[in-house]
Amino acid sequence: MITIFGYSAPQSDVSAIDLMKSAWGDVSQRVMEQTEIIDIRNEDDLCSTWEPFIHTHHYETHFSFYNSWIANHPRRTGEAYINQYNN
C-alpha cells in the first residue's frame, strides 16, 4: 500500500516521479497493491496523474486525510485493508 498525500506530481518534477517509479516498481507486477491518494482534486484528474502507480481498480481517493486508511490505521494500514476486504 502506498499513500500519496497532496502531491500534484508536476511534469517539471521528472526526477522525483522517476525516483518514485523506481522505488514502487512495475505496476503490472504488483497485483496486490493498493494506492491511496489524498487530495482535493477530482478523481479522474488524480487517476490520470497517478496512473503509473495504480494497478487496475486498486486505488482509493480521499478529499480528507481523516477519511483515509493511513489516518484510521496509522500503524497497520495494510493489515487493516486485508482484514476488511479479504477476510
N, C-alpha and C. Protein backbone atom coordinates (compact mmCIF):
# COMPACT_ATOMS: atom_id res chain seq x y z
N MET A 1 0.85 -1.17 0.00
CA MET A 1 0.00 0.00 0.00
C MET A 1 0.89 1.24 0.00
N ILE A 2 0.51 2.19 -0.84
CA ILE A 2 1.20 3.46 -0.88
C ILE A 2 0.15 4.56 -0.72
N THR A 3 0.49 5.58 0.05
CA THR A 3 -0.39 6.73 0.22
C THR A 3 0.31 7.96 -0.34
N ILE A 4 -0.38 8.64 -1.23
CA ILE A 4 0.12 9.87 -1.82
C ILE A 4 -0.70 11.00 -1.24
N PHE A 5 -0.05 11.90 -0.56
CA PHE A 5 -0.75 12.94 0.20
C PHE A 5 -0.51 14.31 -0.42
N GLY A 6 -1.49 14.81 -1.18
CA GLY A 6 -1.48 16.18 -1.67
C GLY A 6 -0.33 16.57 -2.58
N TYR A 7 0.28 15.62 -3.24
CA TYR A 7 1.37 15.94 -4.15
C TYR A 7 0.83 15.92 -5.57
N SER A 8 0.95 17.02 -6.29
CA SER A 8 0.34 17.12 -7.62
C SER A 8 1.18 16.48 -8.72
N ALA A 9 2.41 16.13 -8.43
CA ALA A 9 3.30 15.49 -9.40
C ALA A 9 3.41 16.30 -10.69
N PRO A 10 3.89 17.54 -10.59
CA PRO A 10 4.00 18.36 -11.80
C PRO A 10 4.98 17.72 -12.79
N GLN A 11 4.71 17.90 -14.06
CA GLN A 11 5.56 17.31 -15.10
C GLN A 11 6.99 17.81 -15.02
N SER A 12 7.18 18.99 -14.42
CA SER A 12 8.53 19.54 -14.28
C SER A 12 9.34 18.80 -13.22
N ASP A 13 8.69 18.00 -12.41
CA ASP A 13 9.37 17.27 -11.34
C ASP A 13 9.69 15.84 -11.78
N VAL A 14 10.31 15.73 -12.92
CA VAL A 14 10.60 14.43 -13.54
C VAL A 14 11.45 13.55 -12.64
N SER A 15 12.46 14.11 -12.00
CA SER A 15 13.37 13.29 -11.19
C SER A 15 12.65 12.68 -10.00
N ALA A 16 11.75 13.41 -9.37
CA ALA A 16 11.01 12.87 -8.23
C ALA A 16 10.08 11.74 -8.67
N ILE A 17 9.39 11.93 -9.76
CA ILE A 17 8.49 10.88 -10.27
C ILE A 17 9.28 9.65 -10.69
N ASP A 18 10.41 9.83 -11.35
CA ASP A 18 11.25 8.70 -11.73
C ASP A 18 11.75 7.94 -10.51
N LEU A 19 12.12 8.66 -9.48
CA LEU A 19 12.57 8.02 -8.24
C LEU A 19 11.44 7.22 -7.60
N MET A 20 10.24 7.79 -7.59
CA MET A 20 9.09 7.07 -7.02
C MET A 20 8.77 5.82 -7.84
N LYS A 21 8.81 5.93 -9.17
CA LYS A 21 8.56 4.77 -10.03
C LYS A 21 9.60 3.68 -9.79
N SER A 22 10.84 4.08 -9.64
CA SER A 22 11.91 3.12 -9.38
C SER A 22 11.68 2.38 -8.05
N ALA A 23 11.28 3.11 -7.04
CA ALA A 23 11.05 2.51 -5.73
C ALA A 23 9.81 1.63 -5.72
N TRP A 24 8.76 2.04 -6.41
CA TRP A 24 7.49 1.30 -6.39
C TRP A 24 7.53 0.09 -7.31
N GLY A 25 8.28 0.16 -8.39
CA GLY A 25 8.40 -0.97 -9.31
C GLY A 25 7.35 -0.94 -10.40
N ASP A 26 7.34 -1.98 -11.19
CA ASP A 26 6.43 -2.11 -12.32
C ASP A 26 5.01 -2.40 -11.82
N VAL A 27 4.09 -1.50 -12.15
CA VAL A 27 2.72 -1.63 -11.66
C VAL A 27 2.06 -2.93 -12.11
N SER A 28 2.41 -3.45 -13.28
CA SER A 28 1.80 -4.69 -13.76
C SER A 28 2.26 -5.91 -12.96
N GLN A 29 3.35 -5.78 -12.22
CA GLN A 29 3.85 -6.87 -11.39
C GLN A 29 3.36 -6.79 -9.94
N ARG A 30 2.57 -5.78 -9.62
CA ARG A 30 2.14 -5.55 -8.23
C ARG A 30 0.63 -5.75 -8.14
N VAL A 31 0.18 -6.98 -8.31
CA VAL A 31 -1.25 -7.27 -8.40
C VAL A 31 -2.00 -7.14 -7.07
N MET A 32 -1.31 -7.10 -5.97
CA MET A 32 -1.98 -6.96 -4.67
C MET A 32 -1.79 -5.57 -4.07
N GLU A 33 -1.28 -4.67 -4.84
CA GLU A 33 -1.03 -3.32 -4.33
C GLU A 33 -2.33 -2.55 -4.14
N GLN A 34 -2.26 -1.54 -3.31
CA GLN A 34 -3.37 -0.61 -3.12
C GLN A 34 -2.76 0.79 -3.06
N THR A 35 -3.29 1.69 -3.87
CA THR A 35 -2.82 3.06 -3.90
C THR A 35 -3.91 3.95 -3.31
N GLU A 36 -3.52 4.75 -2.35
CA GLU A 36 -4.44 5.68 -1.70
C GLU A 36 -3.95 7.10 -1.99
N ILE A 37 -4.86 7.94 -2.50
CA ILE A 37 -4.49 9.30 -2.85
C ILE A 37 -5.36 10.26 -2.03
N ILE A 38 -4.70 11.14 -1.30
CA ILE A 38 -5.41 12.14 -0.50
C ILE A 38 -5.14 13.49 -1.16
N ASP A 39 -6.19 14.07 -1.74
CA ASP A 39 -6.03 15.31 -2.50
C ASP A 39 -7.40 15.92 -2.72
N ILE A 40 -7.45 17.22 -2.97
CA ILE A 40 -8.73 17.89 -3.19
C ILE A 40 -9.16 17.88 -4.65
N ARG A 41 -8.29 17.41 -5.55
CA ARG A 41 -8.66 17.34 -6.97
C ARG A 41 -9.67 16.22 -7.21
N ASN A 42 -10.36 16.27 -8.35
CA ASN A 42 -11.36 15.25 -8.64
C ASN A 42 -10.69 13.91 -8.99
N GLU A 43 -11.45 12.86 -8.85
CA GLU A 43 -10.91 11.50 -9.01
C GLU A 43 -10.33 11.24 -10.39
N ASP A 44 -10.98 11.71 -11.43
CA ASP A 44 -10.47 11.48 -12.79
C ASP A 44 -9.10 12.12 -13.00
N ASP A 45 -8.94 13.32 -12.49
CA ASP A 45 -7.66 14.03 -12.59
C ASP A 45 -6.58 13.28 -11.81
N LEU A 46 -6.91 12.83 -10.62
CA LEU A 46 -5.95 12.10 -9.79
C LEU A 46 -5.54 10.79 -10.44
N CYS A 47 -6.51 10.07 -10.99
CA CYS A 47 -6.20 8.79 -11.65
C CYS A 47 -5.31 9.00 -12.87
N SER A 48 -5.56 10.06 -13.59
CA SER A 48 -4.73 10.37 -14.75
C SER A 48 -3.29 10.67 -14.34
N THR A 49 -3.14 11.46 -13.30
CA THR A 49 -1.81 11.83 -12.81
C THR A 49 -1.06 10.63 -12.26
N TRP A 50 -1.73 9.79 -11.49
CA TRP A 50 -1.07 8.71 -10.78
C TRP A 50 -1.22 7.34 -11.45
N GLU A 51 -1.63 7.30 -12.70
CA GLU A 51 -1.81 6.05 -13.43
C GLU A 51 -0.61 5.10 -13.33
N PRO A 52 0.64 5.59 -13.39
CA PRO A 52 1.78 4.67 -13.29
C PRO A 52 1.89 3.95 -11.94
N PHE A 53 1.10 4.36 -10.95
CA PHE A 53 1.16 3.74 -9.63
C PHE A 53 -0.10 2.95 -9.29
N ILE A 54 -1.06 2.92 -10.19
CA ILE A 54 -2.35 2.28 -9.91
C ILE A 54 -2.49 1.01 -10.73
N HIS A 55 -2.68 -0.11 -10.05
CA HIS A 55 -2.94 -1.38 -10.73
C HIS A 55 -4.45 -1.55 -10.85
N THR A 56 -4.93 -1.54 -12.06
CA THR A 56 -6.35 -1.69 -12.41
C THR A 56 -7.24 -0.82 -11.50
N HIS A 57 -8.04 -1.46 -10.68
CA HIS A 57 -9.00 -0.76 -9.82
C HIS A 57 -8.54 -0.67 -8.36
N HIS A 58 -7.29 -0.95 -8.10
CA HIS A 58 -6.77 -1.00 -6.74
C HIS A 58 -6.33 0.38 -6.25
N TYR A 59 -7.29 1.26 -6.08
CA TYR A 59 -6.97 2.59 -5.58
C TYR A 59 -8.19 3.19 -4.88
N GLU A 60 -7.93 4.18 -4.06
CA GLU A 60 -8.98 4.97 -3.41
C GLU A 60 -8.52 6.41 -3.40
N THR A 61 -9.47 7.32 -3.52
CA THR A 61 -9.16 8.73 -3.39
C THR A 61 -9.96 9.29 -2.21
N HIS A 62 -9.35 10.23 -1.52
CA HIS A 62 -9.99 10.87 -0.37
C HIS A 62 -9.74 12.37 -0.43
N PHE A 63 -10.76 13.15 -0.15
CA PHE A 63 -10.61 14.60 -0.06
C PHE A 63 -9.99 14.99 1.27
N SER A 64 -10.23 14.17 2.29
CA SER A 64 -9.79 14.49 3.64
C SER A 64 -8.85 13.42 4.18
N PHE A 65 -7.80 13.85 4.81
CA PHE A 65 -6.88 12.94 5.47
C PHE A 65 -7.61 12.06 6.48
N TYR A 66 -8.58 12.62 7.16
CA TYR A 66 -9.27 11.91 8.24
C TYR A 66 -10.15 10.77 7.75
N ASN A 67 -10.41 10.68 6.46
CA ASN A 67 -11.16 9.57 5.89
C ASN A 67 -10.26 8.50 5.29
N SER A 68 -8.97 8.70 5.35
CA SER A 68 -8.03 7.80 4.70
C SER A 68 -7.68 6.59 5.56
N TRP A 69 -7.12 5.58 4.90
CA TRP A 69 -6.65 4.39 5.61
C TRP A 69 -5.52 4.74 6.56
N ILE A 70 -4.61 5.56 6.09
CA ILE A 70 -3.44 5.88 6.91
C ILE A 70 -3.82 6.66 8.17
N ALA A 71 -4.86 7.46 8.09
CA ALA A 71 -5.31 8.21 9.28
C ALA A 71 -6.02 7.29 10.26
N ASN A 72 -6.79 6.36 9.75
CA ASN A 72 -7.58 5.49 10.61
C ASN A 72 -6.83 4.26 11.11
N HIS A 73 -5.75 3.93 10.45
CA HIS A 73 -4.93 2.77 10.83
C HIS A 73 -3.46 3.13 10.66
N PRO A 74 -2.94 4.07 11.41
CA PRO A 74 -1.60 4.61 11.14
C PRO A 74 -0.45 3.61 11.27
N ARG A 75 -0.61 2.60 12.07
CA ARG A 75 0.50 1.66 12.24
C ARG A 75 0.31 0.38 11.45
N ARG A 76 -0.90 0.06 11.10
CA ARG A 76 -1.17 -1.21 10.42
C ARG A 76 -2.16 -1.05 9.28
N THR A 77 -1.88 -0.10 8.40
CA THR A 77 -2.77 0.21 7.29
C THR A 77 -3.00 -1.00 6.39
N GLY A 78 -1.94 -1.65 5.97
CA GLY A 78 -2.07 -2.81 5.08
C GLY A 78 -2.84 -3.95 5.71
N GLU A 79 -2.56 -4.25 6.97
CA GLU A 79 -3.27 -5.32 7.66
C GLU A 79 -4.75 -5.01 7.80
N ALA A 80 -5.08 -3.75 8.07
CA ALA A 80 -6.49 -3.36 8.20
C ALA A 80 -7.21 -3.52 6.87
N TYR A 81 -6.57 -3.15 5.79
CA TYR A 81 -7.18 -3.28 4.46
C TYR A 81 -7.43 -4.75 4.13
N ILE A 82 -6.43 -5.58 4.31
CA ILE A 82 -6.58 -7.01 4.02
C ILE A 82 -7.68 -7.62 4.88
N ASN A 83 -7.73 -7.28 6.16
CA ASN A 83 -8.74 -7.81 7.06
C ASN A 83 -10.14 -7.41 6.60
N GLN A 84 -10.31 -6.19 6.18
CA GLN A 84 -11.65 -5.73 5.77
C GLN A 84 -12.10 -6.32 4.45
N TYR A 85 -11.20 -6.40 3.46
CA TYR A 85 -11.61 -6.79 2.12
C TYR A 85 -11.31 -8.25 1.75
N ASN A 86 -10.41 -8.91 2.44
CA ASN A 86 -10.05 -10.27 2.05
C ASN A 86 -10.48 -11.33 3.06
N ASN A 87 -10.66 -10.95 4.29
CA ASN A 87 -11.01 -11.96 5.32
C ASN A 87 -12.50 -12.03 5.56
